[in-house]
Amino acid sequence: MELNRIELQWKSIYRIGAICVFSAALVMILEILLTALPEGARVPLTLAELFEMYDRNWFMAMRYMGLINIIATTLMIPVFFSLYGIHRERHNVYSGLILLLYIAGYTIFMADNSSFALLELSSKYELASSESMKSSLLSAGEALFAKGASHTPGTFPGFFISELTFILFCVIMLNGQVFSKITAVIGIIGFSFLFVFEVCSSFIPSLYDTAMIFAIFGGISTIIWQIMVGLKLFKA
């Protein structure tokens, strides 16, 4: 009786994980669509230009600072817990360790991100009555901007750990006898492509346009992986 109750609880967790992974896929599709907008292209901005974007379109400014990534990575927490649950019998130790690594990466990413802090500073900047006050606010915001701008060295540690955990879970999928091997392979390829993009965008800006090719194929592959994982979790 107790065993049946626990299994029913896990099944409810799998349903929640499926809903979250489908939602994360929709969020990433939204990110792709936003990239096609005039303000969606990722071009280098000064802090003053970012403050102007906050004033003009706060959502796109926060998206520039990683808002979409915040939403997507948060939605993936129940998914990782579901993946741990579904592999706990055959790979309890490894899947548990990867779950902890993902939480660590998520914590680092959230601590580094400064989109909300800069939203507050941008409001004060627009209301500043003197150039000296604006200059002070720009100085205060520079460190936050350097630390929290998405796809820069400041946010690389969180992205690195996150994408590493995705790849590691896909490796477990290869031998977990739960997901198909094609699901695992698509995930490994997709997240590896995104990892290459992250390295190039963070440390080799001159290769950013070339790295976008990896981002496009990686993004499409990971969306397909998310859909395949979601469908399996619904059936689990």
Protein backbone atom coordinates (compact mmCIF):
# COMPACT_ATOMS: atom_id res chain seq x y z
CA MET A 1 0.00 0.00 0.00
CA GLU A 2 2.77 2.44 0.96
CA LEU A 3 4.68 1.58 -2.22
CA ASN A 4 1.62 2.26 -4.36
CA ARG A 5 1.14 5.64 -2.67
CA ILE A 6 4.73 6.62 -3.36
CA GLU A 7 4.45 5.58 -7.01
CA LEU A 8 1.28 7.64 -7.39
CA GLN A 9 3.13 10.64 -5.98
CA TRP A 10 5.93 10.14 -8.48
CA LYS A 11 3.43 9.88 -11.31
CA SER A 12 1.98 13.25 -10.30
CA ILE A 13 5.52 14.66 -10.28
CA TYR A 14 6.05 13.30 -13.80
CA ARG A 15 2.88 15.07 -14.97
CA ILE A 16 4.09 18.33 -13.46
CA GLY A 17 7.49 17.80 -15.09
CA ALA A 18 5.82 17.19 -18.46
CA ILE A 19 3.78 20.40 -18.20
CA CYS A 20 6.89 22.34 -17.20
CA VAL A 21 9.06 20.97 -20.01
CA PHE A 22 6.36 21.77 -22.59
CA SER A 23 6.12 25.27 -21.12
CA ALA A 24 9.91 25.64 -21.30
CA ALA A 25 9.78 24.62 -24.98
CA LEU A 26 7.15 27.31 -25.65
CA VAL A 27 9.32 29.87 -23.84
CA MET A 28 12.31 28.99 -26.01
CA ILE A 29 10.18 29.24 -29.15
CA LEU A 30 9.18 32.70 -27.94
CA GLU A 31 12.86 33.56 -27.54
CA ILE A 32 13.52 32.53 -31.14
CA LEU A 33 10.61 34.69 -32.35
CA LEU A 34 11.79 37.67 -30.29
CA THR A 35 15.25 37.39 -31.82
CA ALA A 36 13.68 38.15 -35.20
CA LEU A 37 12.32 41.50 -33.96
CA PRO A 38 14.26 44.76 -34.60
CA GLU A 39 15.15 45.05 -30.91
CA GLY A 40 15.63 41.32 -30.54
CA ALA A 41 19.01 41.01 -32.22
CA ARG A 42 21.77 40.71 -29.65
CA VAL A 43 24.05 43.68 -30.30
CA PRO A 44 26.55 45.17 -27.84
CA LEU A 45 24.98 47.95 -25.77
CA THR A 46 26.39 50.52 -23.38
CA LEU A 47 24.69 50.79 -20.01
CA ALA A 48 23.16 54.14 -21.05
CA GLU A 49 21.70 52.49 -24.16
CA LEU A 50 20.36 49.64 -22.04
CA PHE A 51 18.68 52.16 -19.70
CA GLU A 52 17.10 53.79 -22.75
CA MET A 53 15.82 50.37 -23.82
CA TYR A 54 14.38 49.81 -20.32
CA ASP A 55 12.52 53.11 -20.66
CA ARG A 56 11.35 52.33 -24.19
CA ASN A 57 10.51 48.64 -23.75
CA TRP A 58 11.23 47.18 -20.33
CA PHE A 59 10.37 43.63 -21.39
CA MET A 60 12.88 43.57 -24.27
CA ALA A 61 15.52 45.14 -22.02
CA MET A 62 15.00 42.45 -19.38
CA ARG A 63 15.02 39.83 -22.10
CA TYR A 64 18.39 41.26 -23.20
CA MET A 65 19.56 40.71 -19.63
CA GLY A 66 18.33 37.11 -19.58
CA LEU A 67 14.67 37.17 -18.47
CA ILE A 68 13.71 34.38 -20.88
CA ASN A 69 16.55 32.23 -19.55
CA ILE A 70 15.37 32.86 -15.99
CA ILE A 71 11.88 31.62 -16.87
CA ALA A 72 13.13 28.60 -18.83
CA THR A 73 15.67 27.45 -16.22
CA THR A 74 13.10 27.83 -13.44
CA LEU A 75 10.60 25.72 -15.35
CA MET A 76 13.24 23.01 -15.75
CA ILE A 77 13.61 22.44 -11.98
CA PRO A 78 10.55 20.10 -11.77
CA VAL A 79 11.74 18.47 -15.01
CA PHE A 80 15.11 17.60 -13.51
CA PHE A 81 13.40 16.28 -10.39
CA SER A 82 11.20 14.15 -12.64
CA LEU A 83 14.25 12.86 -14.53
CA TYR A 84 15.84 11.97 -11.21
CA GLY A 85 12.68 10.15 -10.13
CA ILE A 86 12.33 8.18 -13.32
CA HIS A 87 15.99 7.05 -13.19
CA ARG A 88 16.24 6.59 -9.43
CA GLU A 89 16.08 2.78 -9.52
CA ARG A 90 18.89 2.19 -12.02
CA HIS A 91 20.97 5.35 -11.58
CA ASN A 92 20.03 6.75 -8.19
CA VAL A 93 23.45 8.12 -7.25
CA TYR A 94 24.40 9.62 -10.60
CA SER A 95 20.99 11.14 -11.32
CA GLY A 96 20.84 12.55 -7.78
CA LEU A 97 24.27 14.15 -8.21
CA ILE A 98 23.25 15.70 -11.54
CA LEU A 99 20.08 17.09 -9.96
CA LEU A 100 22.19 18.74 -7.25
CA LEU A 101 24.55 20.15 -9.89
CA TYR A 102 21.62 21.65 -11.77
CA ILE A 103 20.32 23.32 -8.62
CA ALA A 104 23.83 24.67 -7.97
CA GLY A 105 24.05 26.03 -11.52
CA TYR A 106 20.58 27.55 -11.24
CA THR A 107 21.52 29.23 -7.96
CA ILE A 108 24.70 30.68 -9.47
CA PHE A 109 22.82 31.88 -12.55
CA MET A 110 20.12 33.58 -10.51
CA ALA A 111 22.68 35.20 -8.22
CA ASP A 112 24.61 36.57 -11.20
CA ASN A 113 21.60 37.84 -13.15
CA SER A 114 20.89 41.53 -12.62
CA SER A 115 17.91 42.18 -14.89
CA PHE A 116 15.60 43.19 -12.01
CA ALA A 117 18.23 45.29 -10.25
CA LEU A 118 18.91 47.20 -13.47
CA LEU A 119 15.17 47.70 -13.95
CA GLU A 120 15.15 49.60 -10.65
CA LEU A 121 18.29 51.57 -11.54
CA SER A 122 16.90 52.45 -14.97
CA SER A 123 13.79 53.93 -13.34
CA LYS A 124 15.97 56.10 -11.10
CA TYR A 125 18.10 57.05 -14.10
CA GLU A 126 15.10 58.32 -16.04
CA LEU A 127 13.94 60.36 -13.04
CA ALA A 128 17.40 61.78 -12.30
CA SER A 129 17.33 65.58 -12.34
CA SER A 130 21.01 66.23 -13.02
CA GLU A 131 23.83 64.87 -15.12
CA SER A 132 25.92 64.18 -12.02
CA MET A 133 23.14 62.00 -10.59
CA LYS A 134 22.82 60.14 -13.89
CA SER A 135 26.58 59.64 -13.95
CA SER A 136 26.46 58.19 -10.43
CA LEU A 137 23.69 55.79 -11.39
CA LEU A 138 25.64 54.69 -14.47
CA SER A 139 28.69 54.02 -12.30
CA ALA A 140 26.57 52.01 -9.87
CA GLY A 141 25.09 49.98 -12.69
CA GLU A 142 28.29 49.15 -14.57
CA ALA A 143 29.26 46.32 -12.23
CA LEU A 144 25.76 44.84 -12.37
CA PHE A 145 25.77 45.15 -16.15
CA ALA A 146 29.15 43.43 -16.51
CA LYS A 147 28.16 40.69 -14.08
CA GLY A 148 24.64 39.97 -15.24
CA ALA A 149 24.43 40.51 -19.00
CA SER A 150 23.33 37.25 -20.60
CA HIS A 151 25.88 35.29 -22.68
CA THR A 152 28.89 37.12 -21.26
CA PRO A 153 31.73 35.97 -18.98
CA GLY A 154 29.72 37.19 -15.99
CA THR A 155 26.92 34.67 -16.54
CA PHE A 156 29.07 31.89 -18.05
CA PRO A 157 29.48 29.81 -14.84
CA GLY A 158 25.73 29.35 -14.41
CA PHE A 159 25.20 28.52 -18.08
CA PHE A 160 28.19 26.16 -18.08
CA ILE A 161 26.93 24.09 -15.14
CA SER A 162 23.36 24.08 -16.47
CA GLU A 163 24.28 22.86 -19.95
CA LEU A 164 26.73 20.34 -18.51
CA THR A 165 23.95 18.81 -16.39
CA PHE A 166 21.68 18.53 -19.43
CA ILE A 167 24.40 16.65 -21.31
CA LEU A 168 25.10 14.38 -18.34
CA PHE A 169 21.42 13.49 -17.93
CA CYS A 170 21.25 12.67 -21.64
CA VAL A 171 24.21 10.32 -21.14
CA ILE A 172 22.24 8.57 -18.38
CA MET A 173 19.27 8.37 -20.76
CA LEU A 174 21.44 6.30 -23.13
CA ASN A 175 21.61 3.51 -20.55
CA GLY A 176 18.56 4.22 -18.43
CA GLN A 177 16.15 2.05 -20.45
CA VAL A 178 13.43 4.67 -19.99
CA PHE A 179 13.91 7.12 -22.84
CA SER A 180 14.81 6.13 -26.39
CA LYS A 181 18.42 6.44 -27.46
CA ILE A 182 17.41 8.92 -30.16
CA THR A 183 16.04 11.20 -27.44
CA ALA A 184 19.37 11.02 -25.62
CA VAL A 185 21.41 11.62 -28.79
CA ILE A 186 19.30 14.62 -29.83
CA GLY A 187 19.76 16.08 -26.36
CA ILE A 188 23.53 15.54 -26.34
CA ILE A 189 23.90 17.17 -29.76
CA GLY A 190 21.57 20.07 -28.96
CA PHE A 191 23.06 21.00 -25.59
CA SER A 192 26.60 20.54 -26.91
CA PHE A 193 25.81 23.04 -29.67
CA LEU A 194 24.44 25.48 -27.10
CA PHE A 195 27.58 25.00 -25.01
CA VAL A 196 29.76 25.91 -28.01
CA PHE A 197 27.60 28.99 -28.58
CA GLU A 198 27.95 29.99 -24.93
CA VAL A 199 31.74 29.73 -25.02
CA CYS A 200 31.99 31.76 -28.24
CA SER A 201 29.49 34.46 -27.21
CA SER A 202 31.12 34.83 -23.79
CA PHE A 203 34.80 34.75 -24.68
CA ILE A 204 35.17 35.11 -28.47
CA PRO A 205 32.79 37.93 -29.51
CA SER A 206 34.34 38.06 -32.99
CA LEU A 207 32.83 34.61 -33.66
CA TYR A 208 29.37 35.56 -32.42
CA ASP A 209 27.74 35.50 -35.88
CA THR A 210 29.25 32.09 -36.61
CA ALA A 211 28.27 30.84 -33.16
CA MET A 212 24.66 31.79 -33.90
CA ILE A 213 24.57 28.84 -36.30
CA PHE A 214 25.29 26.56 -33.33
CA ALA A 215 22.66 28.42 -31.31
CA ILE A 216 19.99 27.92 -33.99
CA PHE A 217 20.63 24.20 -34.45
CA GLY A 218 21.13 23.72 -30.73
CA GLY A 219 17.92 25.57 -29.93
CA ILE A 220 15.86 23.55 -32.42
CA SER A 221 17.38 20.27 -31.20
CA THR A 222 16.72 21.05 -27.54
CA ILE A 223 13.12 22.02 -28.25
CA ILE A 224 12.63 18.67 -29.99
CA TRP A 225 14.30 16.99 -26.98
CA GLN A 226 11.98 18.81 -24.58
CA ILE A 227 8.90 17.69 -26.51
CA MET A 228 10.11 14.06 -26.57
CA VAL A 229 10.88 14.15 -22.84
CA GLY A 230 7.49 15.71 -22.08
CA LEU A 231 5.62 13.05 -24.01
CA LYS A 232 7.48 10.29 -22.18
CA LEU A 233 6.85 11.87 -18.77
CA PHE A 234 3.13 12.06 -19.50
CA LYS A 235 3.11 8.32 -20.23
CA ALA A 236 5.29 7.34 -17.26
